[in-house]
Amino acid sequence: MTKHALLSSEAKLWRSLACAKSELRLDLTLACGQSFRWRETAEGHWTGVMGGRVWTLTQTDDALWYYVYKKQDGLEGSERKRKASISPVEENKSKKRLKAVKDEGEPADATVQDCDVEEKLLRGYFQLDVKLGDLYSDWGAADPHFKRIADIFTGVRMLRQEPTECLFSFICTSNNHISRIQGMVERLCEALGSPLCQLDQASYYDFPSLSSLADGSVETRLRDLGFGYRARFLQQSAKQIIDVYGIQWLESLRSVPYPQARNALRTLPGVGTKVADCVCLMSLDKAEAVPIDTHVWQIAKRDYQYSAGSGQKSITDKLHRDLGDFFRALWGPYAGWAQSVLFCADLKKFQKFKQSPVKQLKNEEENEDKQPEMFIKSEKMS
């Protein structure tokens, strides 16, 4: 059985590119609620799906290391068992997807062309052409509070995700928390995506295509998988994109101004202003988009004495716009990137980084004593 790769045991099979930790921290960037496809499969090793490939990533002080797995044959049997309850039409579609995977070959073969493609994918995904250190310096000069946070939370980058995956993942975030969203996205890919490989009994699937998501049977199937009312939004949004806008519509939004892209996304079922801003920021190249939810609103009130709308109980469109403008005026054209640093720093899972080494060690020892009774609650995401 193929196992998850470890840099320490098979370094000659890995490739790397120069990247300091001050420019990218995998543990922060991949676990702060931008993407829901990555898991820490060994200490400091993150495995996930990107660009139709399964990757394991890790890093040293000055390099980003990556291992790309070959697409595996012989998955048909498990697919038949997994999809035994699917209609004949859907099963036929699944077989065609599986055949397409096999016909594509194995992109992990270490040819020069493959290496170039994979390095380009990785650089684009992490937007490594953006000099994060320079942005941190600019934000810190304009904002003393940011500077204090940035000294601890370095290397939080904004991912550039594939628009379809980003949009439909964030439709799942409505009234949800990070760990549950991860499970939903995983089930969505397992139910409708193409199989890629199996590692240590964990199966990895590509994200479903728009046509798969738009199929008339999808809502019922996803409700059975625990998606609730979000099942209808997923199917109807995919159908609306295909029927009204066309298959290339989401990609085309990368080339239009931010307000136009945000308003276009809001025409889709289940897409409000916050989700639209997340998609604009994380997949459509709108670095100025600042997603606003109650979590970010609390940061603004607590750390920036932002008082507008303080008498309100919910975030209106006006408050969303005004608060976004406040942060854009403070941080500039990459305001969405800066906001992600503060959002990350405020998540409960990362509070240990703010503690002194002595206090952190004490808390870890206390947590070990309480481990059988612990229940970890993730932050709400609207």
Protein backbone atom coordinates (compact mmCIF):
# COMPACT_ATOMS: atom_id res chain seq x y z
CA MET A 1 0.00 0.00 0.00
CA THR A 2 1.24 3.48 -0.87
CA LYS A 3 2.06 5.55 2.19
CA HIS A 4 2.13 9.27 2.81
CA ALA A 5 5.56 10.57 1.94
CA LEU A 6 8.04 11.78 4.56
CA LEU A 7 10.94 14.05 3.69
CA SER A 8 13.17 12.37 6.27
CA SER A 9 12.82 8.91 4.74
CA GLU A 10 12.81 9.57 0.98
CA ALA A 11 14.27 13.02 0.39
CA LYS A 12 15.65 12.13 -3.06
CA LEU A 13 12.08 11.75 -4.37
CA TRP A 14 11.07 15.23 -3.23
CA ARG A 15 11.56 18.52 -5.04
CA SER A 16 11.94 21.96 -3.55
CA LEU A 17 11.88 25.65 -4.32
CA ALA A 18 13.43 28.49 -2.38
CA CYS A 19 10.96 29.97 0.10
CA ALA A 20 11.71 31.36 3.56
CA LYS A 21 9.28 30.70 6.41
CA SER A 22 8.82 34.45 6.72
CA GLU A 23 7.21 34.26 3.27
CA LEU A 24 5.11 31.15 3.94
CA ARG A 25 4.07 29.23 7.03
CA LEU A 26 2.28 26.04 6.00
CA ASP A 27 0.85 25.36 9.46
CA LEU A 28 -0.90 28.74 9.52
CA THR A 29 -1.82 29.21 5.86
CA LEU A 30 -3.28 25.74 5.28
CA ALA A 31 -5.25 25.51 8.54
CA CYS A 32 -6.82 28.97 8.92
CA GLY A 33 -10.02 28.33 6.95
CA GLN A 34 -9.01 29.37 3.43
CA SER A 35 -8.97 25.87 1.95
CA PHE A 36 -10.56 22.75 3.41
CA ARG A 37 -8.58 20.12 1.48
CA TRP A 38 -5.38 19.90 3.54
CA ARG A 39 -4.57 17.65 6.52
CA GLU A 40 -1.42 17.35 8.60
CA THR A 41 -0.55 13.70 7.89
CA ALA A 42 2.73 13.73 9.82
CA GLU A 43 4.47 16.36 11.89
CA GLY A 44 5.01 19.36 9.64
CA HIS A 45 3.75 17.45 6.57
CA TRP A 46 0.51 18.56 4.89
CA THR A 47 -1.30 16.40 2.33
CA GLY A 48 -4.07 17.64 0.08
CA VAL A 49 -5.44 17.99 -3.44
CA MET A 50 -4.60 20.88 -5.74
CA GLY A 51 -4.62 21.14 -9.52
CA GLY A 52 -5.92 17.58 -9.99
CA ARG A 53 -2.92 16.18 -8.10
CA VAL A 54 -2.34 14.89 -4.58
CA TRP A 55 0.55 16.61 -2.82
CA THR A 56 2.43 16.38 0.45
CA LEU A 57 4.14 19.62 1.44
CA THR A 58 6.65 20.38 4.16
CA GLN A 59 9.24 23.08 4.70
CA THR A 60 12.62 23.88 6.11
CA ASP A 61 13.80 27.34 7.09
CA ASP A 62 14.61 28.36 3.53
CA ALA A 63 12.77 25.92 1.25
CA LEU A 64 9.30 24.60 0.42
CA TRP A 65 9.46 20.86 -0.26
CA TYR A 66 6.82 18.98 -2.24
CA TYR A 67 6.01 15.42 -3.22
CA VAL A 68 3.43 14.72 -5.94
CA TYR A 69 1.79 11.27 -6.01
CA LYS A 70 1.09 9.23 -9.09
CA LYS A 71 -2.52 8.62 -10.01
CA GLN A 72 -3.26 5.02 -9.16
CA ASP A 73 -4.87 2.25 -11.17
CA GLY A 74 -7.08 -0.37 -9.58
CA LEU A 75 -9.53 1.94 -7.83
CA GLU A 76 -12.56 0.68 -9.73
CA GLY A 77 -13.48 -2.00 -7.18
CA SER A 78 -13.67 0.36 -4.26
CA GLU A 79 -15.55 2.85 -6.41
CA ARG A 80 -18.20 0.26 -7.24
CA LYS A 81 -18.74 -0.50 -3.56
CA ARG A 82 -18.79 3.16 -2.61
CA LYS A 83 -21.32 4.09 -5.26
CA ALA A 84 -23.48 0.99 -5.21
CA SER A 85 -26.57 3.02 -4.44
CA ILE A 86 -26.07 5.48 -7.31
CA SER A 87 -28.37 5.45 -10.32
CA PRO A 88 -27.10 3.79 -13.55
CA VAL A 89 -26.76 7.19 -15.20
CA GLU A 90 -24.61 8.53 -12.38
CA GLU A 91 -22.55 5.33 -12.25
CA ASN A 92 -21.82 5.65 -15.96
CA LYS A 93 -20.64 9.23 -15.41
CA SER A 94 -18.40 8.04 -12.59
CA LYS A 95 -16.82 5.36 -14.83
CA LYS A 96 -16.14 7.95 -17.50
CA ARG A 97 -14.44 10.20 -14.93
CA LEU A 98 -12.33 7.27 -13.73
CA LYS A 99 -11.32 6.39 -17.29
CA ALA A 100 -10.35 10.01 -17.89
CA VAL A 101 -8.11 9.88 -14.83
CA LYS A 102 -6.35 6.75 -16.15
CA ASP A 103 -6.05 8.11 -19.68
CA GLU A 104 -4.39 11.28 -18.42
CA GLY A 105 -1.43 9.24 -17.31
CA GLU A 106 0.69 9.84 -14.22
CA PRO A 107 1.75 13.46 -13.92
CA ALA A 108 4.06 12.67 -11.03
CA ASP A 109 6.65 11.06 -13.36
CA ALA A 110 9.74 13.16 -12.92
CA THR A 111 10.02 14.52 -16.45
CA VAL A 112 11.26 18.03 -17.02
CA GLN A 113 7.84 19.06 -18.32
CA ASP A 114 6.04 17.64 -15.28
CA CYS A 115 8.46 19.34 -12.90
CA ASP A 116 7.91 22.67 -14.63
CA VAL A 117 4.12 22.28 -14.53
CA GLU A 118 4.08 21.29 -10.86
CA GLU A 119 6.40 24.08 -9.77
CA LYS A 120 4.25 26.58 -11.69
CA LEU A 121 1.11 25.19 -10.03
CA LEU A 122 2.66 25.47 -6.59
CA ARG A 123 4.00 28.98 -7.13
CA GLY A 124 0.63 30.11 -8.44
CA TYR A 125 -1.33 28.46 -5.63
CA PHE A 126 0.71 30.22 -2.95
CA GLN A 127 1.13 33.40 -5.06
CA LEU A 128 4.86 33.34 -4.36
CA ASP A 129 5.47 36.24 -6.74
CA VAL A 130 3.93 38.49 -4.06
CA LYS A 131 6.64 39.58 -1.60
CA LEU A 132 4.91 39.04 1.69
CA GLY A 133 7.71 40.52 3.78
CA ASP A 134 7.33 43.84 2.00
CA LEU A 135 3.57 43.82 2.60
CA TYR A 136 4.05 43.04 6.30
CA SER A 137 6.43 46.00 6.58
CA ASP A 138 3.94 48.33 4.90
CA TRP A 139 1.03 47.12 7.04
CA GLY A 140 3.10 47.35 10.24
CA ALA A 141 4.16 50.92 9.45
CA ALA A 142 0.52 51.94 8.96
CA ASP A 143 -0.94 49.91 11.84
CA PRO A 144 0.82 49.42 15.22
CA HIS A 145 -1.63 46.69 16.23
CA PHE A 146 -0.87 44.72 13.08
CA LYS A 147 2.86 45.06 13.75
CA ARG A 148 2.50 43.46 17.19
CA ILE A 149 0.55 40.55 15.72
CA ALA A 150 2.84 40.17 12.71
CA ASP A 151 5.91 39.59 14.86
CA ILE A 152 4.30 36.28 15.91
CA PHE A 153 2.16 35.35 12.90
CA THR A 154 4.58 35.65 10.01
CA GLY A 155 4.12 33.89 6.69
CA VAL A 156 0.30 33.90 6.44
CA ARG A 157 -0.30 33.98 2.69
CA MET A 158 -3.46 34.18 0.64
CA LEU A 159 -4.04 31.10 -1.54
CA ARG A 160 -5.10 31.43 -5.17
CA GLN A 161 -7.60 28.58 -5.45
CA GLU A 162 -9.46 27.20 -8.42
CA PRO A 163 -12.69 29.27 -8.57
CA THR A 164 -15.19 26.38 -8.74
CA GLU A 165 -13.65 24.63 -5.74
CA CYS A 166 -13.44 27.87 -3.77
CA LEU A 167 -17.03 28.93 -4.47
CA PHE A 168 -18.70 25.61 -3.67
CA SER A 169 -16.53 25.03 -0.62
CA PHE A 170 -17.56 28.38 0.80
CA ILE A 171 -21.24 27.76 0.12
CA CYS A 172 -20.76 24.95 2.66
CA THR A 173 -19.52 27.42 5.32
CA SER A 174 -22.94 28.92 6.07
CA ASN A 175 -23.62 28.59 9.84
CA ASN A 176 -20.80 26.09 10.15
CA HIS A 177 -17.41 25.59 11.75
CA ILE A 178 -14.06 24.69 10.23
CA SER A 179 -13.81 21.02 11.18
CA ARG A 180 -17.35 20.29 10.01
CA ILE A 181 -16.79 22.17 6.75
CA GLN A 182 -13.71 20.02 6.11
CA GLY A 183 -15.82 16.89 6.52
CA MET A 184 -18.52 18.19 4.20
CA VAL A 185 -16.05 19.13 1.46
CA GLU A 186 -14.40 15.74 1.79
CA ARG A 187 -17.77 13.96 1.40
CA LEU A 188 -18.65 16.18 -1.56
CA CYS A 189 -15.45 15.19 -3.35
CA GLU A 190 -15.89 11.51 -2.49
CA ALA A 191 -19.46 11.48 -3.79
CA LEU A 192 -18.96 13.45 -7.00
CA GLY A 193 -15.25 13.80 -7.72
CA SER A 194 -12.80 11.63 -9.63
CA PRO A 195 -10.60 9.26 -7.58
CA LEU A 196 -6.91 10.15 -7.58
CA CYS A 197 -5.08 7.84 -5.18
CA GLN A 198 -5.16 6.04 -1.85
CA LEU A 199 -2.53 6.60 0.84
CA ASP A 200 -2.47 4.74 4.15
CA GLN A 201 -6.14 3.77 3.62
CA ALA A 202 -7.09 7.44 3.05
CA SER A 203 -8.67 8.07 -0.36
CA TYR A 204 -8.18 11.33 -2.26
CA TYR A 205 -10.53 12.73 -4.88
CA ASP A 206 -10.49 15.66 -7.24
CA PHE A 207 -13.04 18.40 -6.69
CA PRO A 208 -16.29 17.79 -8.64
CA SER A 209 -16.88 19.49 -11.97
CA LEU A 210 -19.66 22.02 -12.43
CA SER A 211 -21.62 19.51 -14.51
CA SER A 212 -21.41 16.91 -11.74
CA LEU A 213 -22.63 19.44 -9.18
CA ALA A 214 -25.51 20.57 -11.41
CA ASP A 215 -26.98 17.09 -11.91
CA GLY A 216 -30.61 16.82 -10.81
CA SER A 217 -29.88 14.01 -8.33
CA VAL A 218 -27.25 15.98 -6.40
CA GLU A 219 -29.52 17.73 -3.90
CA THR A 220 -31.04 14.49 -2.63
CA ARG A 221 -27.70 12.74 -2.46
CA LEU A 222 -26.06 15.57 -0.54
CA ARG A 223 -28.97 15.85 1.89
CA ASP A 224 -28.44 12.17 2.63
CA LEU A 225 -24.79 13.03 3.36
CA GLY A 226 -25.71 15.67 5.93
CA PHE A 227 -25.50 18.88 3.89
CA GLY A 228 -28.99 20.08 4.90
CA TYR A 229 -30.26 23.19 3.12
CA ARG A 230 -26.81 23.77 1.62
CA ALA A 231 -27.44 20.82 -0.74
CA ARG A 232 -30.01 22.85 -2.66
CA PHE A 233 -27.70 25.87 -2.88
CA LEU A 234 -24.85 23.76 -4.25
CA GLN A 235 -26.94 22.13 -6.98
CA GLN A 236 -28.86 25.26 -7.94
CA SER A 237 -25.77 27.47 -8.10
CA ALA A 238 -23.99 25.00 -10.37
CA LYS A 239 -27.05 24.72 -12.60
CA GLN A 240 -27.44 28.49 -12.80
CA ILE A 241 -23.81 28.96 -13.79
CA ILE A 242 -24.09 26.38 -16.58
CA ASP A 243 -27.55 27.40 -17.85
CA VAL A 244 -27.28 31.19 -17.53
CA TYR A 245 -23.63 32.22 -17.49
CA GLY A 246 -21.61 29.45 -19.12
CA ILE A 247 -18.89 27.08 -18.02
CA GLN A 248 -16.09 29.71 -18.18
CA TRP A 249 -17.97 32.37 -16.23
CA LEU A 250 -16.21 31.97 -12.90
CA GLU A 251 -12.77 32.17 -14.51
CA SER A 252 -13.85 35.29 -16.42
CA LEU A 253 -14.58 37.10 -13.15
CA ARG A 254 -10.85 37.28 -12.52
CA SER A 255 -10.59 39.98 -15.18
CA VAL A 256 -13.42 42.27 -14.02
CA PRO A 257 -13.32 44.89 -11.21
CA TYR A 258 -13.86 43.69 -7.66
CA PRO A 259 -17.36 45.24 -7.10
CA GLN A 260 -18.59 43.73 -10.36
CA ALA A 261 -17.28 40.27 -9.47
CA ARG A 262 -18.76 40.41 -5.98
CA ASN A 263 -22.18 41.49 -7.22
CA ALA A 264 -22.14 38.81 -9.92
CA LEU A 265 -21.45 36.09 -7.35
CA ARG A 266 -24.27 37.34 -5.15
CA THR A 267 -26.79 36.41 -7.85
CA LEU A 268 -26.15 32.73 -7.02
CA PRO A 269 -28.29 30.80 -4.50
CA GLY A 270 -26.60 30.61 -1.11
CA VAL A 271 -24.01 33.30 -1.85
CA GLY A 272 -24.17 36.36 0.38
CA THR A 273 -21.72 39.22 0.65
CA LYS A 274 -19.30 37.42 2.98
CA VAL A 275 -19.08 34.28 0.82
CA ALA A 276 -18.75 36.41 -2.33
CA ASP A 277 -15.88 38.33 -0.75
CA CYS A 278 -14.14 35.10 0.28
CA VAL A 279 -14.33 33.82 -3.31
CA CYS A 280 -13.15 37.17 -4.71
CA LEU A 281 -10.17 37.23 -2.35
CA MET A 282 -9.17 33.57 -2.43
CA SER A 283 -9.69 32.68 -6.08
CA LEU A 284 -10.51 35.72 -8.24
CA ASP A 285 -7.43 37.92 -7.65
CA LYS A 286 -9.29 40.62 -5.69
CA ALA A 287 -6.69 41.33 -3.00
CA GLU A 288 -8.70 44.30 -1.75
CA ALA A 289 -11.73 42.16 -0.82
CA VAL A 290 -12.18 42.01 2.96
CA PRO A 291 -14.63 39.28 4.05
CA ILE A 292 -16.61 40.52 7.03
CA ASP A 293 -18.32 38.25 9.54
CA THR A 294 -19.08 38.63 13.24
CA HIS A 295 -15.56 37.41 14.05
CA VAL A 296 -13.92 40.20 12.00
CA TRP A 297 -16.43 42.73 13.33
CA GLN A 298 -15.39 41.84 16.89
CA ILE A 299 -11.73 42.33 15.95
CA ALA A 300 -12.55 45.77 14.54
CA LYS A 301 -14.43 46.82 17.69
CA ARG A 302 -11.97 45.35 20.16
CA ASP A 303 -8.64 46.23 18.55
CA TYR A 304 -9.48 49.26 16.41
CA GLN A 305 -12.24 50.91 18.46
CA TYR A 306 -14.48 50.74 15.42
CA SER A 307 -17.83 52.08 16.60
CA ALA A 308 -19.99 52.30 13.46
CA GLY A 309 -22.95 49.98 13.70
CA SER A 310 -22.26 49.20 17.36
CA GLY A 311 -25.99 49.23 18.13
CA GLN A 312 -26.73 46.57 15.51
CA LYS A 313 -27.05 42.87 16.18
CA SER A 314 -26.25 41.73 12.65
CA ILE A 315 -24.04 42.79 9.78
CA THR A 316 -25.94 44.77 7.16
CA ASP A 317 -24.71 45.41 3.63
CA LYS A 318 -23.85 48.98 4.67
CA LEU A 319 -21.80 47.83 7.66
CA HIS A 320 -20.06 45.25 5.48
CA ARG A 321 -19.15 47.94 2.95
CA ASP A 322 -18.13 50.55 5.55
CA LEU A 323 -15.99 48.15 7.56
CA GLY A 324 -14.33 46.89 4.39
CA ASP A 325 -13.60 50.49 3.36
CA PHE A 326 -12.14 51.16 6.83
CA PHE A 327 -9.64 48.32 6.47
CA ARG A 328 -8.88 49.16 2.83
CA ALA A 329 -8.04 52.75 3.84
CA LEU A 330 -5.79 51.42 6.62
CA TRP A 331 -3.98 48.62 4.79
CA GLY A 332 -4.19 49.51 1.11
CA PRO A 333 -4.71 47.38 -2.01
CA TYR A 334 -3.82 44.08 -0.28
CA ALA A 335 -6.22 44.69 2.62
CA GLY A 336 -7.73 41.22 2.30
CA TRP A 337 -4.33 39.65 2.86
CA ALA A 338 -3.74 41.74 5.99
CA GLN A 339 -7.17 40.86 7.36
CA SER A 340 -6.37 37.15 6.97
CA VAL A 341 -3.37 37.56 9.28
CA LEU A 342 -5.52 39.05 12.06
CA PHE A 343 -8.25 36.45 11.48
CA CYS A 344 -5.67 33.68 11.74
CA ALA A 345 -4.15 35.20 14.90
CA ASP A 346 -7.57 35.29 16.57
CA LEU A 347 -8.46 31.62 15.99
CA LYS A 348 -8.47 29.58 19.18
CA LYS A 349 -6.36 26.84 17.63
CA PHE A 350 -3.45 29.27 17.23
CA GLN A 351 -3.50 30.98 20.63
CA LYS A 352 -0.56 28.86 21.78
CA PHE A 353 1.72 30.92 19.51
CA LYS A 354 1.01 34.01 21.62
CA GLN A 355 2.18 32.36 24.85
CA SER A 356 5.66 32.44 26.32
CA PRO A 357 7.59 29.16 25.97
CA VAL A 358 7.21 28.44 29.72
CA LYS A 359 3.44 29.08 29.72
CA GLN A 360 3.02 27.11 26.51
CA LEU A 361 4.81 24.08 27.98
CA LYS A 362 2.68 24.26 31.13
CA ASN A 363 -0.55 24.40 29.11
CA GLU A 364 0.55 21.46 26.96
CA GLU A 365 1.23 19.39 30.09
CA GLU A 366 -2.18 20.31 31.52
CA ASN A 367 -3.85 19.39 28.23
CA GLU A 368 -2.13 16.00 28.20
CA ASP A 369 -3.53 15.29 31.69
CA LYS A 370 -7.03 16.21 30.51
CA GLN A 371 -6.79 14.62 27.07
CA PRO A 372 -9.48 11.89 27.52
CA GLU A 373 -12.09 14.50 28.39
CA MET A 374 -11.13 17.19 25.91
CA PHE A 375 -13.49 18.36 23.19
CA ILE A 376 -12.10 20.80 20.67
CA LYS A 377 -14.65 23.30 19.40
CA SER A 378 -13.86 25.11 16.14
CA GLU A 379 -14.70 28.73 15.43
CA LYS A 380 -17.99 29.57 13.74
CA MET A 381 -17.83 30.78 10.17
CA SER A 382 -20.87 32.51 8.70
